[in-house]
Amino acid sequence: MKQILNHLFEHKTFSRPEAMEILTHIATGKYNPSQMAAFMAVYCMRSITVEELAGFRDGMISLCLDPKLQDYELVDLCGTGGDGRDTFNISTLASFVVAGAGHLVAKHGNYGVSSGCGSSNVMEHLGHRFTSDPGILKRNLDEAGICFLHAPLFHPAMKTVAPIRRELGVKTFFNMLGPMVNPAKPANQLVGVFNLELARLYAYLYQKSGKNYTILHALEGYDEVSLTCDFKTFSNAGEQIHRIADLGFEKIEAASIGGGSTVKESAEIFLSVLNNEGTTEQTNVVLVNAAMAIKTIHSERSFADCFYKAEESLLSGKAMKSFKKLVA
């Protein structure tokens, strides 16, 4: 590791195979915690390259457990996190809306690191039992239209990194990897990222993936459509700036989509939205993100049509039904 760190301190980069090897050694505990913390800290201070990001991704995928869901046409809604905005669990709620609209969702999630309440925190609090059993995951998809892939169960080698990430408490390159290492390898992905530089890196990698994808970044720094500002997307159709006024919405205040200060409060917001008791701002943010996911799957449809499908899922109770079946 000393040689690796000196390489970085000299402002040099790694090739894709080198990055894959380093990630594999980190995951299998070849380095001590201080060395791994130093390595992660470097990438907090300098940009990651496409080759390095691809290599780290390759390493993670090579080590993960296979949920054996290849027979399903899946979609994932997942953000990198690390945007520092501490919103409520928008992408997780949108996942149930998409499932309620009839699409099969493999939601990849984890505990919050740089935020107070990640998707795994809220799902665990609300009674969902995480599993890596392919039989149970298939039953979840068949009955609820959604399965939840708790990242630590599928990336067991990452247990060496988890305590270091918690102690650092800031976004690291592992935040960048999260959406790209869904073990189900879904054919459709809506990916939120915390800055435009990373969005461009993702776009470069995803355009070679064969997936239907939408990478989005809200221009004020959110890793999801926030409705506080316009947002940019990179997709199979190319780059586009989306003005929320053109989508039929007025800008909202950041405080209106804040998360709770505790997991309990976050869970209360979660259930209120699913029960159609959320605020207009909370509901619209969830529906817009769900609509973007549906449009990722069906690029030929208009945004308005996708929004209608999402709205019908939530207002009819189908999204809540999907949630209840998964938890049950």
C-alpha atoms as a PDB file:
ATOM      1  CA  MET A   1       0.000   0.000   0.000  1.00  0.00           C
ATOM      2  CA  LYS A   2       2.893   2.384   0.618  1.00  0.00           C
ATOM      3  CA  GLN A   3       3.787   2.161  -3.063  1.00  0.00           C
ATOM      4  CA  ILE A   4       0.150   2.735  -4.052  1.00  0.00           C
ATOM      5  CA  LEU A   5      -0.165   5.802  -1.832  1.00  0.00           C
ATOM      6  CA  ASN A   6       3.089   7.281  -3.114  1.00  0.00           C
ATOM      7  CA  HIS A   7       1.792   6.737  -6.639  1.00  0.00           C
ATOM      8  CA  LEU A   8      -1.312   8.772  -5.762  1.00  0.00           C
ATOM      9  CA  PHE A   9       0.651  11.458  -3.902  1.00  0.00           C
ATOM     10  CA  GLU A  10       2.650  11.981  -7.101  1.00  0.00           C
ATOM     11  CA  HIS A  11      -0.661  12.777  -8.874  1.00  0.00           C
ATOM     12  CA  LYS A  12      -0.521   9.610 -10.955  1.00  0.00           C
ATOM     13  CA  THR A  13      -3.526   7.492 -11.857  1.00  0.00           C
ATOM     14  CA  PHE A  14      -4.212   3.759 -12.139  1.00  0.00           C
ATOM     15  CA  SER A  15      -5.234   1.693 -15.142  1.00  0.00           C
ATOM     16  CA  ARG A  16      -8.472  -0.260 -15.072  1.00  0.00           C
ATOM     17  CA  PRO A  17      -6.759  -3.599 -14.239  1.00  0.00           C
ATOM     18  CA  GLU A  18      -4.658  -1.914 -11.520  1.00  0.00           C
ATOM     19  CA  ALA A  19      -7.733  -0.329  -9.965  1.00  0.00           C
ATOM     20  CA  MET A  20      -9.548  -3.665 -10.007  1.00  0.00           C
ATOM     21  CA  GLU A  21      -6.628  -5.364  -8.265  1.00  0.00           C
ATOM     22  CA  ILE A  22      -6.409  -2.655  -5.579  1.00  0.00           C
ATOM     23  CA  LEU A  23     -10.137  -2.835  -4.882  1.00  0.00           C
ATOM     24  CA  THR A  24      -9.952  -6.628  -4.615  1.00  0.00           C
ATOM     25  CA  HIS A  25      -7.077  -6.375  -2.137  1.00  0.00           C
ATOM     26  CA  ILE A  26      -8.946  -3.766  -0.091  1.00  0.00           C
ATOM     27  CA  ALA A  27     -12.066  -5.923   0.005  1.00  0.00           C
ATOM     28  CA  THR A  28     -10.198  -9.052   1.028  1.00  0.00           C
ATOM     29  CA  GLY A  29      -8.398  -7.330   3.897  1.00  0.00           C
ATOM     30  CA  LYS A  30      -4.879  -7.214   2.513  1.00  0.00           C
ATOM     31  CA  TYR A  31      -4.345  -3.683   3.882  1.00  0.00           C
ATOM     32  CA  ASN A  32      -4.773  -2.362   7.415  1.00  0.00           C
ATOM     33  CA  PRO A  33      -7.506   0.166   8.351  1.00  0.00           C
ATOM     34  CA  SER A  34      -5.153   3.169   8.416  1.00  0.00           C
ATOM     35  CA  GLN A  35      -3.909   2.393   4.925  1.00  0.00           C
ATOM     36  CA  MET A  36      -7.437   1.944   3.581  1.00  0.00           C
ATOM     37  CA  ALA A  37      -8.598   5.193   5.205  1.00  0.00           C
ATOM     38  CA  ALA A  38      -5.665   7.038   3.626  1.00  0.00           C
ATOM     39  CA  PHE A  39      -6.464   5.551   0.223  1.00  0.00           C
ATOM     40  CA  MET A  40     -10.131   6.592   0.460  1.00  0.00           C
ATOM     41  CA  ALA A  41      -9.193  10.059   1.681  1.00  0.00           C
ATOM     42  CA  VAL A  42      -7.061  10.717  -1.411  1.00  0.00           C
ATOM     43  CA  TYR A  43     -10.141  10.309  -3.606  1.00  0.00           C
ATOM     44  CA  CYS A  44     -11.972  12.828  -1.429  1.00  0.00           C
ATOM     45  CA  MET A  45      -9.398  15.386  -2.585  1.00  0.00           C
ATOM     46  CA  ARG A  46      -8.853  14.491  -6.221  1.00  0.00           C
ATOM     47  CA  SER A  47     -11.071  13.395  -9.077  1.00  0.00           C
ATOM     48  CA  ILE A  48     -11.407   9.767 -10.030  1.00  0.00           C
ATOM     49  CA  THR A  49     -10.726   8.788 -13.658  1.00  0.00           C
ATOM     50  CA  VAL A  50     -12.973   6.725 -15.910  1.00  0.00           C
ATOM     51  CA  GLU A  51     -10.409   3.904 -15.895  1.00  0.00           C
ATOM     52  CA  GLU A  52     -10.191   3.893 -12.098  1.00  0.00           C
ATOM     53  CA  LEU A  53     -13.967   3.977 -11.655  1.00  0.00           C
ATOM     54  CA  ALA A  54     -14.395   1.135 -14.137  1.00  0.00           C
ATOM     55  CA  GLY A  55     -11.695  -0.906 -12.397  1.00  0.00           C
ATOM     56  CA  PHE A  56     -13.190  -0.393  -8.941  1.00  0.00           C
ATOM     57  CA  ARG A  57     -16.590  -1.380 -10.338  1.00  0.00           C
ATOM     58  CA  ASP A  58     -15.134  -4.515 -11.954  1.00  0.00           C
ATOM     59  CA  GLY A  59     -13.577  -5.490  -8.632  1.00  0.00           C
ATOM     60  CA  MET A  60     -16.839  -5.076  -6.741  1.00  0.00           C
ATOM     61  CA  ILE A  61     -18.852  -7.031  -9.314  1.00  0.00           C
ATOM     62  CA  SER A  62     -16.318  -9.875  -9.381  1.00  0.00           C
ATOM     63  CA  LEU A  63     -16.678 -10.335  -5.612  1.00  0.00           C
ATOM     64  CA  CYS A  64     -20.445  -9.968  -5.195  1.00  0.00           C
ATOM     65  CA  LEU A  65     -22.963 -12.750  -4.629  1.00  0.00           C
ATOM     66  CA  ASP A  66     -25.324 -13.565  -7.492  1.00  0.00           C
ATOM     67  CA  PRO A  67     -29.047 -13.241  -6.585  1.00  0.00           C
ATOM     68  CA  LYS A  68     -29.881 -15.307  -9.691  1.00  0.00           C
ATOM     69  CA  LEU A  69     -32.531 -12.932 -11.059  1.00  0.00           C
ATOM     70  CA  GLN A  70     -31.454 -13.094 -14.698  1.00  0.00           C
ATOM     71  CA  ASP A  71     -34.905 -14.235 -15.846  1.00  0.00           C
ATOM     72  CA  TYR A  72     -36.526 -10.952 -14.764  1.00  0.00           C
ATOM     73  CA  GLU A  73     -36.670  -7.627 -16.625  1.00  0.00           C
ATOM     74  CA  LEU A  74     -35.621  -5.345 -13.792  1.00  0.00           C
ATOM     75  CA  VAL A  75     -35.235  -1.674 -13.023  1.00  0.00           C
ATOM     76  CA  ASP A  76     -33.293  -0.024 -10.198  1.00  0.00           C
ATOM     77  CA  LEU A  77     -33.655   3.511  -8.842  1.00  0.00           C
ATOM     78  CA  CYS A  78     -30.513   4.332  -6.920  1.00  0.00           C
ATOM     79  CA  GLY A  79     -28.559   7.442  -6.068  1.00  0.00           C
ATOM     80  CA  THR A  80     -24.915   7.718  -5.187  1.00  0.00           C
ATOM     81  CA  GLY A  81     -25.722   9.575  -1.984  1.00  0.00           C
ATOM     82  CA  GLY A  82     -23.083  11.968  -0.791  1.00  0.00           C
ATOM     83  CA  ASP A  83     -24.924  15.077  -1.973  1.00  0.00           C
ATOM     84  CA  GLY A  84     -25.102  16.389   1.592  1.00  0.00           C
ATOM     85  CA  ARG A  85     -28.756  17.394   1.158  1.00  0.00           C
ATOM     86  CA  ASP A  86     -30.295  14.936   3.630  1.00  0.00           C
ATOM     87  CA  THR A  87     -33.616  14.576   1.834  1.00  0.00           C
ATOM     88  CA  PHE A  88     -36.219  11.984   2.801  1.00  0.00           C
ATOM     89  CA  ASN A  89     -35.997   8.558   1.112  1.00  0.00           C
ATOM     90  CA  ILE A  90     -37.152   9.690  -2.309  1.00  0.00           C
ATOM     91  CA  SER A  91     -35.686   6.963  -4.534  1.00  0.00           C
ATOM     92  CA  THR A  92     -36.897   4.175  -2.226  1.00  0.00           C
ATOM     93  CA  LEU A  93     -40.433   5.551  -2.205  1.00  0.00           C
ATOM     94  CA  ALA A  94     -40.299   6.038  -5.971  1.00  0.00           C
ATOM     95  CA  SER A  95     -39.253   2.370  -6.260  1.00  0.00           C
ATOM     96  CA  PHE A  96     -42.527   1.242  -4.687  1.00  0.00           C
ATOM     97  CA  VAL A  97     -44.460   3.587  -6.956  1.00  0.00           C
ATOM     98  CA  VAL A  98     -42.734   2.053  -9.991  1.00  0.00           C
ATOM     99  CA  ALA A  99     -43.462  -1.449  -8.664  1.00  0.00           C
ATOM    100  CA  GLY A 100     -47.101  -0.460  -8.148  1.00  0.00           C
ATOM    101  CA  ALA A 101     -47.176   0.691 -11.760  1.00  0.00           C
ATOM    102  CA  GLY A 102     -46.350  -2.845 -12.875  1.00  0.00           C
ATOM    103  CA  HIS A 103     -42.574  -2.826 -13.306  1.00  0.00           C
ATOM    104  CA  LEU A 104     -40.234  -5.219 -11.517  1.00  0.00           C
ATOM    105  CA  VAL A 105     -37.801  -3.400  -9.247  1.00  0.00           C
ATOM    106  CA  ALA A 106     -34.529  -4.677  -7.782  1.00  0.00           C
ATOM    107  CA  LYS A 107     -33.762  -1.893  -5.320  1.00  0.00           C
ATOM    108  CA  HIS A 108     -30.108  -1.778  -4.309  1.00  0.00           C
ATOM    109  CA  GLY A 109     -29.663  -0.063  -0.949  1.00  0.00           C
ATOM    110  CA  ASN A 110     -27.493   0.391   2.111  1.00  0.00           C
ATOM    111  CA  TYR A 111     -27.341   2.078   5.482  1.00  0.00           C
ATOM    112  CA  GLY A 112     -26.710   5.806   5.421  1.00  0.00           C
ATOM    113  CA  VAL A 113     -23.051   6.828   5.608  1.00  0.00           C
ATOM    114  CA  SER A 114     -22.985  10.513   4.772  1.00  0.00           C
ATOM    115  CA  SER A 115     -26.728  10.920   5.421  1.00  0.00           C
ATOM    116  CA  GLY A 116     -28.768  10.195   8.516  1.00  0.00           C
ATOM    117  CA  CYS A 117     -31.057   7.543   7.067  1.00  0.00           C
ATOM    118  CA  GLY A 118     -30.267   5.391   4.056  1.00  0.00           C
ATOM    119  CA  SER A 119     -32.761   3.122   2.316  1.00  0.00           C
ATOM    120  CA  SER A 120     -31.701   0.131   4.409  1.00  0.00           C
ATOM    121  CA  ASN A 121     -32.208   2.091   7.638  1.00  0.00           C
ATOM    122  CA  VAL A 122     -35.799   2.943   6.826  1.00  0.00           C
ATOM    123  CA  MET A 123     -36.691  -0.480   5.386  1.00  0.00           C
ATOM    124  CA  GLU A 124     -35.265  -2.251   8.422  1.00  0.00           C
ATOM    125  CA  HIS A 125     -37.107   0.091  10.781  1.00  0.00           C
ATOM    126  CA  LEU A 126     -40.372  -0.614   8.951  1.00  0.00           C
ATOM    127  CA  GLY A 127     -39.979  -4.357   9.395  1.00  0.00           C
ATOM    128  CA  HIS A 128     -38.359  -5.668   6.244  1.00  0.00           C
ATOM    129  CA  ARG A 129     -35.981  -8.577   6.775  1.00  0.00           C
ATOM    130  CA  PHE A 130     -32.985  -8.455   4.459  1.00  0.00           C
ATOM    131  CA  THR A 131     -32.109 -11.621   2.594  1.00  0.00           C
ATOM    132  CA  SER A 132     -29.754 -12.880  -0.092  1.00  0.00           C
ATOM    133  CA  ASP A 133     -31.781 -16.056  -0.694  1.00  0.00           C
ATOM    134  CA  PRO A 134     -32.625 -16.166  -4.441  1.00  0.00           C
ATOM    135  CA  GLY A 135     -35.835 -18.091  -3.758  1.00  0.00           C
ATOM    136  CA  ILE A 136     -37.182 -15.418  -1.410  1.00  0.00           C
ATOM    137  CA  LEU A 137     -36.080 -12.595  -3.705  1.00  0.00           C
ATOM    138  CA  LYS A 138     -37.914 -14.225  -6.631  1.00  0.00           C
ATOM    139  CA  ARG A 139     -41.021 -14.609  -4.485  1.00  0.00           C
ATOM    140  CA  ASN A 140     -40.754 -10.919  -3.534  1.00  0.00           C
ATOM    141  CA  LEU A 141     -40.682  -9.985  -7.217  1.00  0.00           C
ATOM    142  CA  ASP A 142     -43.558 -12.316  -8.101  1.00  0.00           C
ATOM    143  CA  GLU A 143     -45.804 -11.151  -5.260  1.00  0.00           C
ATOM    144  CA  ALA A 144     -44.761  -7.566  -4.517  1.00  0.00           C
ATOM    145  CA  GLY A 145     -43.135  -6.542  -7.794  1.00  0.00           C
ATOM    146  CA  ILE A 146     -40.014  -5.487  -5.900  1.00  0.00           C
ATOM    147  CA  CYS A 147     -37.108  -7.005  -4.017  1.00  0.00           C
ATOM    148  CA  PHE A 148     -34.654  -5.181  -1.797  1.00  0.00           C
ATOM    149  CA  LEU A 149     -30.966  -5.981  -2.196  1.00  0.00           C
ATOM    150  CA  HIS A 150     -29.213  -4.921   1.016  1.00  0.00           C
ATOM    151  CA  ALA A 151     -25.694  -4.203  -0.220  1.00  0.00           C
ATOM    152  CA  PRO A 152     -23.713  -5.727   2.697  1.00  0.00           C
ATOM    153  CA  LEU A 153     -25.343  -9.126   2.091  1.00  0.00           C
ATOM    154  CA  PHE A 154     -24.277  -9.176  -1.547  1.00  0.00           C
ATOM    155  CA  HIS A 155     -20.877  -7.570  -1.120  1.00  0.00           C
ATOM    156  CA  PRO A 156     -19.633  -9.496   1.950  1.00  0.00           C
ATOM    157  CA  ALA A 157     -16.015  -8.620   1.240  1.00  0.00           C
ATOM    158  CA  MET A 158     -16.925  -4.980   1.913  1.00  0.00           C
ATOM    159  CA  LYS A 159     -17.286  -5.695   5.629  1.00  0.00           C
ATOM    160  CA  THR A 160     -13.636  -4.664   6.000  1.00  0.00           C
ATOM    161  CA  VAL A 161     -14.475  -1.231   4.573  1.00  0.00           C
ATOM    162  CA  ALA A 162     -17.804  -0.526   6.296  1.00  0.00           C
ATOM    163  CA  PRO A 163     -16.406   0.537   9.708  1.00  0.00           C
ATOM    164  CA  ILE A 164     -13.860   2.831   8.050  1.00  0.00           C
ATOM    165  CA  ARG A 165     -16.560   4.493   5.955  1.00  0.00           C
ATOM    166  CA  ARG A 166     -18.673   5.001   9.079  1.00  0.00           C
ATOM    167  CA  GLU A 167     -15.770   6.552  10.966  1.00  0.00           C
ATOM    168  CA  LEU A 168     -14.892   8.866   8.073  1.00  0.00           C
ATOM    169  CA  GLY A 169     -18.555   9.880   7.754  1.00  0.00           C
ATOM    170  CA  VAL A 170     -18.037  11.564   4.364  1.00  0.00           C
ATOM    171  CA  LYS A 171     -18.660  10.458   0.807  1.00  0.00           C
ATOM    172  CA  THR A 172     -15.896   8.318  -0.681  1.00  0.00           C
ATOM    173  CA  PHE A 173     -15.480   6.609  -4.035  1.00  0.00           C
ATOM    174  CA  PHE A 174     -17.644   3.797  -2.640  1.00  0.00           C
ATOM    175  CA  ASN A 175     -20.598   6.201  -2.933  1.00  0.00           C
ATOM    176  CA  MET A 176     -19.748   6.504  -6.609  1.00  0.00           C
ATOM    177  CA  LEU A 177     -19.814   2.725  -7.008  1.00  0.00           C
ATOM    178  CA  GLY A 178     -23.145   1.965  -5.319  1.00  0.00           C
ATOM    179  CA  PRO A 179     -25.528   2.246  -8.284  1.00  0.00           C
ATOM    180  CA  MET A 180     -23.118   0.512 -10.669  1.00  0.00           C
ATOM    181  CA  VAL A 181     -22.697  -2.641  -8.601  1.00  0.00           C
ATOM    182  CA  ASN A 182     -26.293  -3.793  -8.200  1.00  0.00           C
ATOM    183  CA  PRO A 183     -25.767  -7.582  -8.066  1.00  0.00           C
ATOM    184  CA  ALA A 184     -28.962  -8.226 -10.049  1.00  0.00           C
ATOM    185  CA  LYS A 185     -27.454  -6.331 -13.015  1.00  0.00           C
ATOM    186  CA  PRO A 186     -30.804  -4.750 -13.984  1.00  0.00           C
ATOM    187  CA  ALA A 187     -31.378  -3.918 -17.643  1.00  0.00           C
ATOM    188  CA  ASN A 188     -32.917  -0.554 -16.716  1.00  0.00           C
ATOM    189  CA  GLN A 189     -31.476   2.010 -14.320  1.00  0.00           C
ATOM    190  CA  LEU A 190     -32.297   5.482 -13.072  1.00  0.00           C
ATOM    191  CA  VAL A 191     -29.121   6.723 -11.409  1.00  0.00           C
ATOM    192  CA  GLY A 192     -28.792   9.937  -9.423  1.00  0.00           C
ATOM    193  CA  VAL A 193     -25.308  11.427  -8.948  1.00  0.00           C
ATOM    194  CA  PHE A 194     -24.005  14.211  -6.719  1.00  0.00           C
ATOM    195  CA  ASN A 195     -22.116  16.271  -9.297  1.00  0.00           C
ATOM    196  CA  LEU A 196     -21.890  16.808 -13.047  1.00  0.00           C
ATOM    197  CA  GLU A 197     -18.339  15.543 -13.293  1.00  0.00           C
ATOM    198  CA  LEU A 198     -19.430  12.155 -11.982  1.00  0.00           C
ATOM    199  CA  ALA A 199     -22.514  12.235 -14.217  1.00  0.00           C
ATOM    200  CA  ARG A 200     -20.236  12.482 -17.245  1.00  0.00           C
ATOM    201  CA  LEU A 201     -18.077   9.593 -16.019  1.00  0.00           C
ATOM    202  CA  TYR A 202     -21.192   7.486 -15.504  1.00  0.00           C
ATOM    203  CA  ALA A 203     -22.494   8.434 -18.943  1.00  0.00           C
ATOM    204  CA  TYR A 204     -19.241   7.271 -20.535  1.00  0.00           C
ATOM    205  CA  LEU A 205     -19.466   3.895 -18.799  1.00  0.00           C
ATOM    206  CA  TYR A 206     -23.210   3.376 -19.195  1.00  0.00           C
ATOM    207  CA  GLN A 207     -23.278   4.123 -22.906  1.00  0.00           C
ATOM    208  CA  LYS A 208     -21.201   0.960 -23.343  1.00  0.00           C
ATOM    209  CA  SER A 209     -23.338  -1.128 -20.974  1.00  0.00           C
ATOM    210  CA  GLY A 210     -26.234  -2.120 -23.222  1.00  0.00           C
ATOM    211  CA  LYS A 211     -28.689  -0.943 -20.544  1.00  0.00           C
ATOM    212  CA  ASN A 212     -31.588   1.476 -20.743  1.00  0.00           C
ATOM    213  CA  TYR A 213     -30.307   4.205 -18.465  1.00  0.00           C
ATOM    214  CA  THR A 214     -30.944   7.711 -17.216  1.00  0.00           C
ATOM    215  CA  ILE A 215     -28.262   9.435 -15.179  1.00  0.00           C
ATOM    216  CA  LEU A 216     -29.567  12.555 -13.519  1.00  0.00           C
ATOM    217  CA  HIS A 217     -28.224  15.434 -11.480  1.00  0.00           C
ATOM    218  CA  ALA A 218     -30.225  18.351 -10.104  1.00  0.00           C
ATOM    219  CA  LEU A 219     -28.223  21.486 -10.784  1.00  0.00           C
ATOM    220  CA  GLU A 220     -28.205  22.672  -7.164  1.00  0.00           C
ATOM    221  CA  GLY A 221     -26.362  19.497  -6.189  1.00  0.00           C
ATOM    222  CA  TYR A 222     -28.991  16.824  -5.544  1.00  0.00           C
ATOM    223  CA  ASP A 223     -28.593  13.204  -6.669  1.00  0.00           C
ATOM    224  CA  GLU A 224     -32.280  13.038  -7.620  1.00  0.00           C
ATOM    225  CA  VAL A 225     -34.925  15.277  -9.161  1.00  0.00           C
ATOM    226  CA  SER A 226     -35.533  17.667  -6.277  1.00  0.00           C
ATOM    227  CA  LEU A 227     -37.923  20.187  -7.912  1.00  0.00           C
ATOM    228  CA  THR A 228     -35.872  22.882  -6.160  1.00  0.00           C
ATOM    229  CA  CYS A 229     -34.089  23.533  -9.466  1.00  0.00           C
ATOM    230  CA  ASP A 230     -33.716  22.326 -13.031  1.00  0.00           C
ATOM    231  CA  PHE A 231     -31.886  19.072 -13.654  1.00  0.00           C
ATOM    232  CA  LYS A 232     -29.689  17.474 -16.275  1.00  0.00           C
ATOM    233  CA  THR A 233     -29.884  13.948 -17.642  1.00  0.00           C
ATOM    234  CA  PHE A 234     -27.597  11.710 -19.657  1.00  0.00           C
ATOM    235  CA  SER A 235     -29.474   8.829 -21.270  1.00  0.00           C
ATOM    236  CA  ASN A 236     -29.554   6.548 -24.299  1.00  0.00           C
ATOM    237  CA  ALA A 237     -31.052   9.542 -26.135  1.00  0.00           C
ATOM    238  CA  GLY A 238     -28.193  11.885 -25.176  1.00  0.00           C
ATOM    239  CA  GLU A 239     -27.788  14.908 -22.875  1.00  0.00           C
ATOM    240  CA  GLN A 240     -30.669  17.149 -21.887  1.00  0.00           C
ATOM    241  CA  ILE A 241     -31.463  19.961 -19.475  1.00  0.00           C
ATOM    242  CA  HIS A 242     -34.959  19.617 -17.993  1.00  0.00           C
ATOM    243  CA  ARG A 243     -36.618  22.793 -16.783  1.00  0.00           C
ATOM    244  CA  ILE A 244     -39.131  22.006 -14.084  1.00  0.00           C
ATOM    245  CA  ALA A 245     -41.432  24.762 -15.343  1.00  0.00           C
ATOM    246  CA  ASP A 246     -41.638  22.921 -18.679  1.00  0.00           C
ATOM    247  CA  LEU A 247     -42.664  19.788 -16.793  1.00  0.00           C
ATOM    248  CA  GLY A 248     -45.527  21.695 -15.186  1.00  0.00           C
ATOM    249  CA  PHE A 249     -44.059  22.350 -11.728  1.00  0.00           C
ATOM    250  CA  GLU A 250     -43.045  25.386  -9.717  1.00  0.00           C
ATOM    251  CA  LYS A 251     -39.779  25.439  -7.804  1.00  0.00           C
ATOM    252  CA  ILE A 252     -40.056  24.340  -4.184  1.00  0.00           C
ATOM    253  CA  GLU A 253     -38.013  25.139  -1.096  1.00  0.00           C
ATOM    254  CA  ALA A 254     -35.270  22.716  -0.043  1.00  0.00           C
ATOM    255  CA  ALA A 255     -36.715  22.466   3.470  1.00  0.00           C
ATOM    256  CA  SER A 256     -39.917  20.952   2.093  1.00  0.00           C
ATOM    257  CA  ILE A 257     -38.141  17.720   1.090  1.00  0.00           C
ATOM    258  CA  GLY A 258     -35.887  17.389   4.119  1.00  0.00           C
ATOM    259  CA  GLY A 259     -35.533  14.031   5.843  1.00  0.00           C
ATOM    260  CA  GLY A 260     -36.265  13.393   9.484  1.00  0.00           C
ATOM    261  CA  SER A 261     -33.581  13.912  12.089  1.00  0.00           C
ATOM    262  CA  THR A 262     -33.978  10.279  13.184  1.00  0.00           C
ATOM    263  CA  VAL A 263     -34.723   7.001  11.424  1.00  0.00           C
ATOM    264  CA  LYS A 264     -38.132   6.984  13.155  1.00  0.00           C
ATOM    265  CA  GLU A 265     -38.998  10.393  11.721  1.00  0.00           C
ATOM    266  CA  SER A 266     -37.785   9.352   8.270  1.00  0.00           C
ATOM    267  CA  ALA A 267     -39.979   6.251   8.464  1.00  0.00           C
ATOM    268  CA  GLU A 268     -42.984   8.399   9.418  1.00  0.00           C
ATOM    269  CA  ILE A 269     -42.458  10.562   6.328  1.00  0.00           C
ATOM    270  CA  PHE A 270     -42.072   7.388   4.255  1.00  0.00           C
ATOM    271  CA  LEU A 271     -45.395   5.949   5.397  1.00  0.00           C
ATOM    272  CA  SER A 272     -47.249   9.255   5.127  1.00  0.00           C
ATOM    273  CA  VAL A 273     -46.271   9.573   1.449  1.00  0.00           C
ATOM    274  CA  LEU A 274     -47.277   5.968   0.697  1.00  0.00           C
ATOM    275  CA  ASN A 275     -50.587   6.573   2.491  1.00  0.00           C
ATOM    276  CA  ASN A 276     -51.251   9.648   0.326  1.00  0.00           C
ATOM    277  CA  GLU A 277     -50.860  11.826   3.394  1.00  0.00           C
ATOM    278  CA  GLY A 278     -47.593  13.488   2.398  1.00  0.00           C
ATOM    279  CA  THR A 279     -47.302  17.147   1.473  1.00  0.00           C
ATOM    280  CA  THR A 280     -47.783  18.206  -2.129  1.00  0.00           C
ATOM    281  CA  GLU A 281     -44.041  18.822  -2.409  1.00  0.00           C
ATOM    282  CA  GLN A 282     -43.114  15.407  -1.018  1.00  0.00           C
ATOM    283  CA  THR A 283     -45.602  13.617  -3.243  1.00  0.00           C
ATOM    284  CA  ASN A 284     -44.613  15.448  -6.425  1.00  0.00           C
ATOM    285  CA  VAL A 285     -40.895  14.815  -5.893  1.00  0.00           C
ATOM    286  CA  VAL A 286     -41.527  11.078  -5.485  1.00  0.00           C
ATOM    287  CA  LEU A 287     -43.811  10.943  -8.526  1.00  0.00           C
ATOM    288  CA  VAL A 288     -41.398  12.847 -10.784  1.00  0.00           C
ATOM    289  CA  ASN A 289     -38.557  10.482  -9.907  1.00  0.00           C
ATOM    290  CA  ALA A 290     -40.809   7.467 -10.433  1.00  0.00           C
ATOM    291  CA  ALA A 291     -41.911   8.907 -13.773  1.00  0.00           C
ATOM    292  CA  MET A 292     -38.289   9.323 -14.850  1.00  0.00           C
ATOM    293  CA  ALA A 293     -37.689   5.656 -14.041  1.00  0.00           C
ATOM    294  CA  ILE A 294     -40.740   4.571 -16.048  1.00  0.00           C
ATOM    295  CA  LYS A 295     -39.590   6.725 -18.957  1.00  0.00           C
ATOM    296  CA  THR A 296     -36.168   5.070 -18.755  1.00  0.00           C
ATOM    297  CA  ILE A 297     -37.881   1.739 -19.396  1.00  0.00           C
ATOM    298  CA  HIS A 298     -40.265   3.168 -22.033  1.00  0.00           C
ATOM    299  CA  SER A 299     -38.328   5.916 -23.780  1.00  0.00           C
ATOM    300  CA  GLU A 300     -41.054   6.230 -26.414  1.00  0.00           C
ATOM    301  CA  ARG A 301     -43.570   7.485 -23.837  1.00  0.00           C
ATOM    302  CA  SER A 302     -44.002  11.131 -22.921  1.00  0.00           C
ATOM    303  CA  PHE A 303     -43.051  12.358 -19.473  1.00  0.00           C
ATOM    304  CA  ALA A 304     -46.703  13.286 -18.873  1.00  0.00           C
ATOM    305  CA  ASP A 305     -47.835   9.733 -19.592  1.00  0.00           C
ATOM    306  CA  CYS A 306     -45.154   8.302 -17.287  1.00  0.00           C
ATOM    307  CA  PHE A 307     -46.141  10.751 -14.552  1.00  0.00           C
ATOM    308  CA  TYR A 308     -49.772   9.697 -14.928  1.00  0.00           C
ATOM    309  CA  LYS A 309     -48.787   6.032 -14.499  1.00  0.00           C
ATOM    310  CA  ALA A 310     -46.808   6.890 -11.364  1.00  0.00           C
ATOM    311  CA  GLU A 311     -49.622   9.016  -9.951  1.00  0.00           C
ATOM    312  CA  GLU A 312     -52.171   6.271 -10.535  1.00  0.00           C
ATOM    313  CA  SER A 313     -49.910   3.781  -8.725  1.00  0.00           C
ATOM    314  CA  LEU A 314     -49.685   5.980  -5.646  1.00  0.00           C
ATOM    315  CA  LEU A 315     -53.255   7.325  -5.491  1.00  0.00           C
ATOM    316  CA  SER A 316     -54.843   3.914  -6.096  1.00  0.00           C
ATOM    317  CA  GLY A 317     -52.882   2.342  -3.242  1.00  0.00           C
ATOM    318  CA  LYS A 318     -50.947  -0.019  -5.515  1.00  0.00           C
ATOM    319  CA  ALA A 319     -47.613   1.372  -4.287  1.00  0.00           C
ATOM    320  CA  MET A 320     -48.629   0.809  -0.662  1.00  0.00           C
ATOM    321  CA  LYS A 321     -49.876  -2.681  -1.533  1.00  0.00           C
ATOM    322  CA  SER A 322     -46.462  -3.457  -3.028  1.00  0.00           C
ATOM    323  CA  PHE A 323     -44.771  -2.222   0.147  1.00  0.00           C
ATOM    324  CA  LYS A 324     -47.028  -4.240   2.444  1.00  0.00           C
ATOM    325  CA  LYS A 325     -46.500  -7.426   0.449  1.00  0.00           C
ATOM    326  CA  LEU A 326     -42.741  -6.994   0.543  1.00  0.00           C
ATOM    327  CA  VAL A 327     -42.621  -6.377   4.277  1.00  0.00           C
ATOM    328  CA  ALA A 328     -45.060  -9.225   4.971  1.00  0.00           C
END
